[in-house]
Every structure is written in structure tokens, then in C-alpha cells.
Protein backbone atom coordinates (compact mmCIF):
# COMPACT_ATOMS: atom_id res chain seq x y z
CA UNK A 1 87.65 208.00 -25.82
CA UNK A 2 84.64 206.07 -27.13
CA UNK A 3 85.02 203.27 -29.63
CA UNK A 4 83.77 204.01 -33.13
CA UNK A 5 81.09 201.72 -34.56
CA UNK A 6 82.23 199.01 -36.98
CA UNK A 7 78.90 199.24 -38.87
CA UNK A 8 79.98 201.75 -41.56
CA UNK A 9 83.15 199.76 -42.21
CA UNK A 10 81.20 196.52 -42.58
CA UNK A 11 78.66 198.18 -44.89
CA UNK A 12 81.43 199.52 -47.14
CA UNK A 13 83.29 196.19 -47.10
CA UNK A 14 80.26 194.08 -48.01
CA UNK A 15 79.28 196.54 -50.74
CA UNK A 16 82.78 196.23 -52.23
CA UNK A 17 82.77 192.45 -51.83
CA UNK A 18 79.46 192.25 -53.71
CA UNK A 19 80.84 194.38 -56.55
CA UNK A 20 84.00 192.25 -56.78
CA UNK A 21 81.92 189.06 -57.00
CA UNK A 22 79.23 190.25 -59.42
CA UNK A 23 76.56 190.32 -56.70
CA UNK A 24 73.94 192.97 -55.92
CA UNK A 25 74.25 194.73 -52.54
CA UNK A 26 70.92 195.48 -50.89
CA UNK A 27 70.59 197.78 -47.88
CA UNK A 28 67.80 197.11 -45.36
CA UNK A 29 66.69 200.36 -43.69
CA UNK A 30 64.46 201.12 -40.70
CA UNK A 31 62.83 204.38 -41.83
CA UNK A 32 62.84 207.19 -39.28
CA UNK A 33 62.42 210.98 -39.29
CA UNK A 34 65.96 211.54 -40.60
CA UNK A 35 65.69 209.01 -43.44
CA UNK A 36 65.10 210.46 -46.91
CA UNK A 37 63.57 207.77 -49.10
CA UNK A 38 60.49 207.64 -51.36
CA UNK A 39 57.73 207.06 -48.81
CA UNK A 40 55.56 205.23 -51.35
CA UNK A 41 58.07 202.35 -51.25
CA UNK A 42 58.21 202.05 -47.45
CA UNK A 43 56.50 198.95 -46.04
CA UNK A 44 55.96 198.46 -42.30
CA UNK A 45 58.44 201.22 -41.56
CA UNK A 46 61.19 199.61 -43.61
CA UNK A 47 62.64 199.82 -47.10
CA UNK A 48 65.18 197.69 -48.97
CA UNK A 49 67.44 199.60 -51.36
CA UNK A 50 69.59 198.30 -54.20
CA UNK A 51 72.92 200.14 -53.74
CA UNK A 52 74.80 198.62 -56.68
CA UNK A 53 76.76 200.86 -59.03
CA UNK A 54 74.21 200.20 -61.80
CA UNK A 55 71.27 201.27 -59.60
CA UNK A 56 72.77 204.36 -57.98
CA UNK A 57 74.57 207.58 -58.82
CA UNK A 58 76.95 209.37 -56.50
CA UNK A 59 76.92 206.59 -53.88
CA UNK A 60 78.68 207.77 -50.72
CA UNK A 61 79.02 205.64 -47.59
CA UNK A 62 80.70 207.53 -44.78
CA UNK A 63 80.68 206.90 -41.04
CA UNK A 64 77.42 208.81 -40.52
CA UNK A 65 75.35 208.50 -43.73
CA UNK A 66 74.63 206.44 -46.84
CA UNK A 67 73.58 208.77 -49.64
CA UNK A 68 72.99 208.45 -53.37
CA UNK A 69 70.62 209.25 -56.22
CA UNK A 70 68.34 206.53 -57.58
CA UNK A 71 65.28 206.15 -59.77
CA UNK A 72 62.01 204.77 -58.46
CA UNK A 73 59.29 204.29 -61.04
CA UNK A 74 61.32 206.40 -63.48
CA UNK A 75 61.57 209.36 -61.07
CA UNK A 76 64.96 210.41 -59.69
CA UNK A 77 65.22 210.70 -55.88
CA UNK A 78 67.96 211.81 -53.52
CA UNK A 79 68.34 209.13 -50.86
CA UNK A 80 69.88 209.80 -47.44
CA UNK A 81 70.04 207.15 -44.74
CA UNK A 82 71.64 207.79 -41.35
CA UNK A 83 73.96 204.92 -40.44
CA UNK A 84 71.88 204.34 -37.30
CA UNK A 85 68.89 203.41 -39.50
CA UNK A 86 70.78 200.74 -41.46
CA UNK A 87 69.32 197.40 -40.33
CA UNK A 88 71.46 195.26 -42.62
CA UNK A 89 73.32 194.76 -45.86
CA UNK A 90 73.19 191.59 -47.91
CA UNK A 91 73.85 190.14 -51.35
CA UNK A 92 70.55 189.74 -53.21
CA UNK A 93 71.64 186.56 -54.95
CA UNK A 94 72.98 184.66 -51.93
CA UNK A 95 71.48 186.36 -48.88
CA UNK A 96 74.97 186.59 -47.36
CA UNK A 97 75.36 189.71 -45.25
CA UNK A 98 75.11 191.36 -41.87
CA UNK A 99 72.21 192.47 -39.69
CA UNK A 100 72.58 195.41 -37.31
CA UNK A 101 70.75 196.95 -34.38
CA UNK A 102 69.07 200.22 -35.38
CA UNK A 103 68.66 203.47 -33.50
CA UNK A 104 65.09 204.00 -32.38
């Protein structure tokens, strides 16, 4: 039996910790073919997403995906990020967070 990755658990925990402390959770993403994000906001193959409750709708963080709806430039987008593309999660205000290896 293979060990399950701790990454999704850490992402959920830090997101909750940020909410409990009035901080803004940001998700750093390495964009790949499976990642659904607004391409106009991708820089050097990466995007940083605000995943706070005030910036997202229908936020779901499961063991395989982070998905939600968000507005970019006033236009609503469905965002889907495979957990393997998550490069990190951190609090905007303090920089506290975790960095992760990403799937290539």
C-alpha cells in the first residue's frame, strides 16, 4: 500500500489557519496542461491565486484537485488546479506557508 501525499492536507490546513487568523491564503501554481486558469494571468508558467472566501466561490480542496470560481478583471472563471501543480500555499500578509515539489 502506497503512502498518500500530505500535500492536500497541508493545503487545507493552512487555508483554514489563514481564515482563522484573518489572513489571505495565496496558492502558487505551476501551470501545466491540466491546469484551468486564465492564461492571460500566467507569468513564466506560474500563477498565484487568492483562495480566500472573499475571492472565491465554491472552493473545494480535495486530495486530487483545488477548484473554485473567481473573477479576473470582472470576468468569472472556473479554476481547476491538479494537486500535483500546487507549488505552495502562503499567507499574503506574513509570507508564512509551505512550498512543494510539483509534477512535471
